[in-house]
Structure formats: structure tokens, C-alpha cells
Amino acid sequence: MNTRSYVDKTKKRPNIVGLIFLAIGLIFLFALIGTCWYTVDEQETAVVTTFGRVTATNGAGIHFKIPFGIQKVKTVETNVYQKIEIGYATKEDGTYTSVESESKMITGDYNIVNVDFFVQYKISDPVKYLYNSANPDMILKNLVQSQIRSVIGSTNVDSVLTDGKTEIQIKVKDLITEILANYDIGLILTDVTIQDSEPPTETVTAAFKAVETAKQGAEKAINNAEAYQNAQIPAAQAKADSLKKNAEYLKQNRINEAVKAVAKFNAMYNEYVNNPDITRIRMYYETISKVLPDVKLYIITTNEKGVETLLPLDNFANNSGINNSGTNNKNTGEVAQ
């Protein structure tokens, strides 16, 4: 009985060993498969190295690599805007804390101010970002602080606190961009903004606020004046156009009257040339009526029997027998008062 039992146990040992090796093989296979592929998010870029040398960069998706450490993958967030806060720090609860060692600066006219900056940047080249420098983010922050202090140190305090902020931001951004291109650390600057600028004491702060308020009042007055000007100019132009049109009308009317007068004169002259005696008498009557408006005119006529007759001219003027010029169409006589 004991011998049979021993033989049975020896027959079962090879099966257990095989299962152990099979399990080990499966574990190794799954581990091998798990190290042969990797995933990349949409905001990331993967840098692949083979034996420590960069051989590829891959975007979002599932990718395969050689296992056993032959190929290694590092992912970098290239589609995300990174930020640098100068002069303050954002807490996890969303509040801010001041960092005076970063914000306190000296202006070009030797005044002390507190200036907070917000800087945005992106990773433009993941390979250079990983391998051209040990800590590119810290390099950029130090560069930003250096250039900010350089620009603030060449600007007067009024510009820093009031109307020179835009120019300061542009100068700082241009300087950092130029130096970053020389450093070639795979970073690109996207924005530089002054979050806040104020004097270190409340008294000076109040004074500068008063100056800023006065400037805003002046700008408001200028804007109101320009608005009034813009409203009045169309009305003035309309009035000027109306005056010009009226002047043109009067000018043309005067020209027409002159043309009519010339035509009338020419017509009268032609009649005078054709009938000088009649025209002379008419002009005489008209002149007498104008010079002596209250004098009555009479026409003395003599009939066949030698009888003289006095005829009042005003009665004849009202009848059709005498024309408007004061001449008799039938008889021509002397005129007496």
C-alpha cells in the first residue's frame, strides 16, 4: 500500500510543475503585451527614445513600442497653456496670496512699486523641452522676472501706475520672445499681462487714484465734446448745403432777370430804331408821369372847323383808344399842363 501511494505522488508532480511554468509564462506574456503599447491624450505629445536616443514623436491615440526598456516614452502637454504668476500665488481655494519678493520693484525715477504679472506660455517643441535644458519652466520664470525688472527699471512711476501698462507689457513680451529664441528650450511665450500695480503705501495709492480719476474725467469730457461735435457737424453741413443751394438759386434768378432785361432793352431798341418819334414821345410821357406823378395831362386837338378841344390824358388811358404808353393812335397833338 505504501509503495503504490508513493508511485502515484511521483506521477502527479510533473503536472503541477507544468502549471506553474504555464502561469509564469502567461504572466510574462501579459506583462510583455502591456509594455508594448501606450496611449497619448489629445493635449499631449509623446516623445519616443530608442536606447536613449529620440527616434519619434507621436500625437493622440494608441501606439506600440519595443518592450524590455529598449524604447521609452515620455509625454508632454503641448496643447495646454501653462502659466507663471509673478508677485502673487493662487491657492487651491481660488484666493490669492502676495509674494512681495517678486512684486516689489524700483522704477526708472527711483520709486518703489508693487507690480503683479500673469504670464502664459506653451511647449512648442517637446523634444527640446525635455532634453535641451534641465528645468525649462524655471528658466522661463527667471527670464520673465529679469526682463520685467529691466523694463520697470527704465520706466517712470506714473507710466507704471497709470497709462503706460500696455507699452510695458509689449516691451516685456518682445524681450522675452527674443531671448527664448536664442535659448531654444522648446517654449513659446503667448501673453504677458499686468494684473495689478500700486505704490507700497496707502497715501501714495490714494494720490495716484485721484490722478487716475482726473484723467478719466478728462477723457470723458473729451469724448463728450467729440460726440457733440459729431452731432453738430451733419447739421452744419446740411445748413451749408441749404445756403449754397439758395445762393445758386438767387444767382440763377439774377442771371435770368438780367437776360430778360437785356432782351427787353434790345426789343425796345429795335422798336426805337424802327419808330424813333413814337418811342421818343412814349419815353417823354413816361418820364413826365414819374417826375410829376400828380400833374394831369391834356391833349389839345383841332377839328376841321378850327375848334380846339382839351382832352384829359388820364381818361384816355383808361380807354382802349389810347395805348398804355400814353400815345393817341388817331390824333397827335401838343401836350399842355
Protein backbone atom coordinates (compact mmCIF):
# COMPACT_ATOMS: atom_id res chain seq x y z
CA MET A 1 0.00 0.00 0.00
CA ASN A 2 2.76 2.45 0.84
CA THR A 3 4.70 1.73 -2.35
CA ARG A 4 1.67 2.32 -4.59
CA SER A 5 0.90 5.57 -2.86
CA TYR A 6 4.47 6.81 -3.44
CA VAL A 7 4.30 5.94 -7.10
CA ASP A 8 1.04 7.88 -7.55
CA LYS A 9 2.55 11.00 -5.99
CA THR A 10 5.55 10.91 -8.31
CA LYS A 11 3.25 10.73 -11.31
CA LYS A 12 1.38 13.90 -10.24
CA ARG A 13 4.48 16.15 -9.76
CA PRO A 14 5.14 16.86 -13.47
CA ASN A 15 1.60 18.24 -13.90
CA ILE A 16 2.00 20.77 -11.07
CA VAL A 17 5.35 21.97 -12.40
CA GLY A 18 3.87 22.41 -15.85
CA LEU A 19 1.03 24.51 -14.49
CA ILE A 20 3.48 26.69 -12.60
CA PHE A 21 5.57 27.29 -15.72
CA LEU A 22 2.41 27.95 -17.73
CA ALA A 23 1.24 30.53 -15.20
CA ILE A 24 4.63 32.18 -15.22
CA GLY A 25 4.60 32.20 -18.99
CA LEU A 26 1.15 33.79 -19.12
CA ILE A 27 2.14 36.45 -16.62
CA PHE A 28 5.25 37.21 -18.63
CA LEU A 29 3.22 37.34 -21.83
CA PHE A 30 0.66 39.74 -20.38
CA ALA A 31 3.45 41.89 -18.95
CA LEU A 32 5.14 41.86 -22.31
CA ILE A 33 1.95 42.85 -24.10
CA GLY A 34 1.27 45.57 -21.53
CA THR A 35 4.65 47.16 -22.20
CA CYS A 36 4.29 47.06 -25.97
CA TRP A 37 1.66 49.77 -26.28
CA TYR A 38 0.82 53.16 -24.78
CA THR A 39 -1.85 55.85 -25.16
CA VAL A 40 -1.49 59.59 -25.70
CA ASP A 41 -4.18 62.15 -24.77
CA GLU A 42 -5.33 64.89 -27.13
CA GLN A 43 -3.47 67.55 -25.15
CA GLU A 44 -0.21 65.60 -25.14
CA THR A 45 2.64 64.67 -27.44
CA ALA A 46 4.71 61.53 -26.87
CA VAL A 47 8.48 61.52 -27.32
CA VAL A 48 9.88 58.03 -28.07
CA THR A 49 13.53 57.17 -27.38
CA THR A 50 15.33 54.04 -28.54
CA PHE A 51 18.37 53.17 -26.42
CA GLY A 52 18.21 56.75 -25.07
CA ARG A 53 18.06 58.45 -28.47
CA VAL A 54 14.95 60.29 -29.70
CA THR A 55 13.50 58.39 -32.63
CA ALA A 56 9.88 59.55 -32.91
CA THR A 57 7.14 61.88 -31.64
CA ASN A 58 3.51 60.76 -31.66
CA GLY A 59 0.22 62.56 -31.21
CA ALA A 60 -3.03 61.44 -29.61
CA GLY A 61 -4.04 57.78 -29.91
CA ILE A 62 -2.78 54.24 -29.20
CA HIS A 63 0.79 53.45 -30.23
CA PHE A 64 3.20 50.49 -29.94
CA LYS A 65 6.79 50.37 -28.79
CA ILE A 66 9.58 47.82 -28.28
CA PRO A 67 9.45 46.39 -24.74
CA PHE A 68 12.20 45.47 -22.24
CA GLY A 69 13.24 49.11 -21.93
CA ILE A 70 14.54 49.26 -25.47
CA GLN A 71 12.10 52.05 -26.25
CA LYS A 72 10.87 54.52 -23.65
CA VAL A 73 8.08 57.08 -23.91
CA LYS A 74 7.69 60.47 -22.23
CA THR A 75 4.50 62.52 -22.71
CA VAL A 76 4.45 66.31 -22.68
CA GLU A 77 1.39 68.60 -22.55
CA THR A 78 1.90 70.59 -25.74
CA ASN A 79 -1.71 71.76 -26.27
CA VAL A 80 -2.13 73.27 -22.80
CA TYR A 81 -1.41 76.88 -21.81
CA GLN A 82 0.96 76.97 -18.86
CA LYS A 83 1.05 79.97 -16.51
CA ILE A 84 3.59 81.84 -14.41
CA GLU A 85 2.43 84.14 -11.62
CA ILE A 86 4.83 86.94 -10.67
CA GLY A 87 4.13 88.81 -7.43
CA TYR A 88 1.29 86.60 -6.25
CA ALA A 89 0.28 82.94 -5.96
CA THR A 90 -3.10 81.29 -6.44
CA LYS A 91 -4.22 78.96 -3.68
CA GLU A 92 -6.25 75.79 -4.15
CA ASP A 93 -9.41 77.52 -2.92
CA GLY A 94 -9.08 80.24 -5.58
CA THR A 95 -7.80 83.01 -3.31
CA TYR A 96 -4.53 84.85 -3.78
CA THR A 97 -1.54 85.47 -1.60
CA SER A 98 1.01 88.22 -2.22
CA VAL A 99 4.67 87.47 -2.88
CA GLU A 100 6.42 90.76 -2.12
CA SER A 101 9.85 89.46 -3.02
CA GLU A 102 8.65 89.15 -6.62
CA SER A 103 6.28 92.12 -6.86
CA LYS A 104 8.36 94.89 -5.26
CA MET A 105 10.39 96.76 -7.90
CA ILE A 106 12.20 100.08 -8.43
CA THR A 107 11.11 102.37 -11.27
CA GLY A 108 13.31 104.49 -13.50
CA ASP A 109 12.75 107.58 -11.31
CA TYR A 110 13.73 105.66 -8.14
CA ASN A 111 10.25 104.98 -6.77
CA ILE A 112 9.15 101.68 -5.28
CA VAL A 113 6.06 99.97 -6.70
CA ASN A 114 4.35 96.62 -6.37
CA VAL A 115 3.59 95.08 -9.77
CA ASP A 116 1.93 91.69 -10.37
CA PHE A 117 2.31 89.92 -13.71
CA PHE A 118 0.46 87.00 -15.29
CA VAL A 119 2.40 85.13 -17.99
CA GLN A 120 1.12 82.42 -20.35
CA TYR A 121 3.29 80.11 -22.42
CA LYS A 122 3.16 76.82 -24.33
CA ILE A 123 5.53 73.99 -25.17
CA SER A 124 6.37 74.48 -28.83
CA ASP A 125 8.90 71.65 -29.22
CA PRO A 126 8.55 68.66 -26.84
CA VAL A 127 11.99 67.22 -27.73
CA LYS A 128 13.81 70.46 -26.94
CA TYR A 129 11.66 70.95 -23.85
CA LEU A 130 12.74 67.55 -22.48
CA TYR A 131 16.39 67.41 -23.47
CA ASN A 132 17.78 70.91 -24.18
CA SER A 133 17.65 72.02 -20.54
CA ALA A 134 17.21 70.52 -17.09
CA ASN A 135 14.32 72.75 -15.95
CA PRO A 136 12.92 74.92 -18.78
CA ASP A 137 9.96 76.16 -16.73
CA MET A 138 12.23 77.60 -14.04
CA ILE A 139 14.48 79.10 -16.72
CA LEU A 140 11.49 80.88 -18.23
CA LYS A 141 10.30 82.18 -14.86
CA ASN A 142 13.73 83.61 -14.05
CA LEU A 143 13.90 85.14 -17.52
CA VAL A 144 10.47 86.74 -17.08
CA GLN A 145 11.40 88.23 -13.71
CA SER A 146 14.65 89.58 -15.10
CA GLN A 147 13.07 91.30 -18.10
CA ILE A 148 10.17 92.67 -16.06
CA ARG A 149 12.55 94.33 -13.61
CA SER A 150 14.63 95.64 -16.51
CA VAL A 151 11.62 97.29 -18.19
CA ILE A 152 10.14 98.64 -14.93
CA GLY A 153 13.58 99.99 -14.02
CA SER A 154 13.61 102.12 -17.19
CA THR A 155 10.03 103.44 -16.83
CA ASN A 156 8.82 106.28 -14.61
CA VAL A 157 6.36 105.59 -11.83
CA ASP A 158 3.47 107.48 -13.46
CA SER A 159 3.55 105.21 -16.51
CA VAL A 160 3.76 102.08 -14.36
CA LEU A 161 0.75 103.06 -12.27
CA THR A 162 -1.46 104.75 -14.88
CA ASP A 163 -1.32 104.84 -18.67
CA GLY A 164 1.94 103.04 -19.53
CA LYS A 165 0.91 99.47 -18.73
CA THR A 166 0.21 98.43 -22.31
CA GLU A 167 3.58 99.66 -23.51
CA ILE A 168 5.32 97.85 -20.63
CA GLN A 169 3.56 94.58 -21.48
CA ILE A 170 4.60 94.85 -25.13
CA LYS A 171 8.23 95.59 -24.27
CA VAL A 172 8.45 92.69 -21.80
CA LYS A 173 6.91 90.25 -24.25
CA ASP A 174 9.21 91.29 -27.11
CA LEU A 175 12.33 90.97 -24.96
CA ILE A 176 11.38 87.54 -23.57
CA THR A 177 10.41 86.24 -27.01
CA GLU A 178 13.75 87.29 -28.48
CA ILE A 179 15.76 85.68 -25.66
CA LEU A 180 13.68 82.48 -25.73
CA ALA A 181 14.50 82.07 -29.41
CA ASN A 182 18.21 82.18 -28.51
CA TYR A 183 17.83 79.78 -25.56
CA ASP A 184 15.99 77.25 -27.78
CA ILE A 185 14.40 75.34 -24.88
CA GLY A 186 11.15 74.43 -26.66
CA LEU A 187 8.94 77.10 -25.07
CA ILE A 188 6.96 79.94 -26.68
CA LEU A 189 5.51 82.97 -24.87
CA THR A 190 1.86 83.74 -25.65
CA ASP A 191 0.85 86.56 -23.31
CA VAL A 192 2.17 88.96 -20.67
CA THR A 193 -0.36 90.92 -18.59
CA ILE A 194 -0.01 93.32 -15.68
CA GLN A 195 -2.53 92.13 -13.13
CA ASP A 196 -2.06 95.00 -10.69
CA SER A 197 0.31 97.88 -9.97
CA GLU A 198 0.23 100.07 -6.89
CA PRO A 199 2.53 102.08 -4.62
CA PRO A 200 3.66 100.45 -1.40
CA THR A 201 1.86 102.98 0.88
CA GLU A 202 -1.83 103.90 1.14
CA THR A 203 -1.18 107.65 0.94
CA VAL A 204 0.61 107.37 -2.38
CA THR A 205 -2.01 104.93 -3.61
CA ALA A 206 -4.80 107.43 -2.86
CA ALA A 207 -2.89 110.19 -4.66
CA PHE A 208 -2.41 108.10 -7.77
CA LYS A 209 -6.05 107.04 -7.70
CA ALA A 210 -7.01 110.71 -7.65
CA VAL A 211 -4.77 111.33 -10.65
CA GLU A 212 -6.31 108.40 -12.48
CA THR A 213 -9.80 109.67 -11.68
CA ALA A 214 -8.89 113.11 -13.04
CA LYS A 215 -7.55 111.55 -16.24
CA GLN A 216 -10.71 109.53 -16.67
CA GLY A 217 -12.75 112.70 -16.16
CA ALA A 218 -10.69 114.48 -18.81
CA GLU A 219 -11.15 111.59 -21.23
CA LYS A 220 -14.89 111.60 -20.55
CA ALA A 221 -15.07 115.34 -21.24
CA ILE A 222 -13.12 114.89 -24.47
CA ASN A 223 -15.41 112.06 -25.55
CA ASN A 224 -18.49 114.17 -24.80
CA ALA A 225 -17.04 117.06 -26.78
CA GLU A 226 -16.28 114.79 -29.71
CA ALA A 227 -19.78 113.33 -29.54
CA TYR A 228 -21.27 116.86 -29.57
CA GLN A 229 -19.00 117.77 -32.47
CA ASN A 230 -20.04 114.69 -34.41
CA ALA A 231 -23.69 115.54 -33.77
CA GLN A 232 -23.34 119.19 -34.86
CA ILE A 233 -21.24 118.66 -37.97
CA PRO A 234 -24.04 116.99 -40.02
CA ALA A 235 -26.47 119.78 -39.09
CA ALA A 236 -23.93 122.43 -40.04
CA GLN A 237 -23.20 120.68 -43.31
CA ALA A 238 -26.90 120.46 -44.07
CA LYS A 239 -27.31 124.17 -43.35
CA ALA A 240 -24.29 124.99 -45.50
CA ASP A 241 -25.73 122.93 -48.35
CA SER A 242 -29.02 124.75 -47.99
CA LEU A 243 -27.30 128.14 -48.10
CA LYS A 244 -25.29 127.09 -51.14
CA LYS A 245 -28.40 125.91 -52.97
CA ASN A 246 -30.24 129.13 -52.07
CA ALA A 247 -27.28 131.18 -53.29
CA GLU A 248 -27.22 129.20 -56.53
CA TYR A 249 -30.95 129.83 -56.93
CA LEU A 250 -30.56 133.57 -56.33
CA LYS A 251 -27.60 133.66 -58.68
CA GLN A 252 -29.53 131.92 -61.45
CA ASN A 253 -32.59 134.09 -60.80
CA ARG A 254 -30.47 137.24 -61.08
CA ILE A 255 -28.93 135.96 -64.30
CA ASN A 256 -32.40 135.22 -65.71
CA GLU A 257 -33.61 138.69 -64.77
CA ALA A 258 -30.56 140.23 -66.41
CA VAL A 259 -31.14 138.19 -69.55
CA LYS A 260 -34.78 139.31 -69.60
CA ALA A 261 -33.75 142.94 -69.09
CA VAL A 262 -31.25 142.69 -71.92
CA ALA A 263 -33.86 141.12 -74.16
CA LYS A 264 -36.37 143.81 -73.22
CA PHE A 265 -33.85 146.54 -73.90
CA ASN A 266 -32.91 145.04 -77.24
CA ALA A 267 -36.60 144.79 -78.18
CA MET A 268 -37.16 148.40 -77.16
CA TYR A 269 -34.09 149.49 -79.06
CA ASN A 270 -35.27 147.73 -82.20
CA GLU A 271 -38.66 149.48 -81.90
CA TYR A 272 -36.90 152.79 -81.35
CA VAL A 273 -34.81 152.27 -84.48
CA ASN A 274 -37.94 151.45 -86.46
CA ASN A 275 -40.12 154.24 -84.94
CA PRO A 276 -37.93 156.86 -83.25
CA ASP A 277 -40.66 159.53 -82.98
CA ILE A 278 -43.23 157.30 -81.29
CA THR A 279 -40.65 155.90 -78.92
CA ARG A 280 -39.41 159.40 -78.06
CA ILE A 281 -42.94 160.59 -77.24
CA ARG A 282 -43.63 157.47 -75.16
CA MET A 283 -40.42 157.93 -73.21
CA TYR A 284 -41.37 161.60 -72.67
CA TYR A 285 -44.77 160.65 -71.26
CA GLU A 286 -43.28 158.02 -69.00
CA THR A 287 -40.68 160.44 -67.70
CA ILE A 288 -43.30 163.13 -67.02
CA SER A 289 -45.51 160.63 -65.17
CA LYS A 290 -42.61 159.60 -62.99
CA VAL A 291 -41.24 163.09 -62.32
CA LEU A 292 -44.65 164.73 -61.88
CA PRO A 293 -47.00 161.98 -60.70
CA ASP A 294 -49.77 164.38 -59.53
CA VAL A 295 -49.87 166.51 -62.70
CA LYS A 296 -52.76 165.95 -65.12
CA LEU A 297 -52.01 165.87 -68.81
CA TYR A 298 -54.30 167.15 -71.54
CA ILE A 299 -54.20 166.73 -75.31
CA ILE A 300 -55.20 169.76 -77.40
CA THR A 301 -56.83 168.80 -80.69
CA THR A 302 -58.26 170.98 -83.51
CA ASN A 303 -61.07 169.73 -85.67
CA GLU A 304 -61.88 170.74 -89.27
CA LYS A 305 -63.86 173.77 -88.19
CA GLY A 306 -60.95 175.19 -86.26
CA VAL A 307 -62.35 174.41 -82.79
CA GLU A 308 -59.76 173.41 -80.20
CA THR A 309 -60.62 170.68 -77.73
CA LEU A 310 -58.86 169.75 -74.43
CA LEU A 311 -58.83 166.07 -73.77
CA PRO A 312 -57.66 164.74 -70.37
CA LEU A 313 -54.97 162.13 -70.86
CA ASP A 314 -55.97 160.06 -67.82
CA ASN A 315 -59.42 159.41 -69.25
CA PHE A 316 -57.89 158.19 -72.48
CA ALA A 317 -55.50 155.97 -70.56
CA ASN A 318 -58.49 154.06 -69.19
CA ASN A 319 -59.99 153.51 -72.68
CA SER A 320 -58.84 151.25 -75.41
CA GLY A 321 -58.38 154.16 -77.81
CA ILE A 322 -55.09 155.11 -76.14
CA ASN A 323 -52.26 152.60 -75.57
CA ASN A 324 -50.51 152.13 -72.26
CA SER A 325 -47.63 154.31 -73.32
CA GLY A 326 -49.86 157.39 -73.29
CA THR A 327 -49.94 158.00 -77.06
CA ASN A 328 -53.02 158.68 -79.24
CA ASN A 329 -53.44 156.22 -82.07
CA LYS A 330 -55.65 158.66 -84.11
CA ASN A 331 -54.51 162.17 -83.34
CA THR A 332 -51.18 163.52 -82.33
CA GLY A 333 -51.19 166.94 -80.70
CA GLU A 334 -49.39 169.13 -78.30
CA VAL A 335 -49.24 168.46 -74.61
CA ALA A 336 -50.01 171.17 -72.12
CA GLN A 337 -50.42 171.36 -68.39
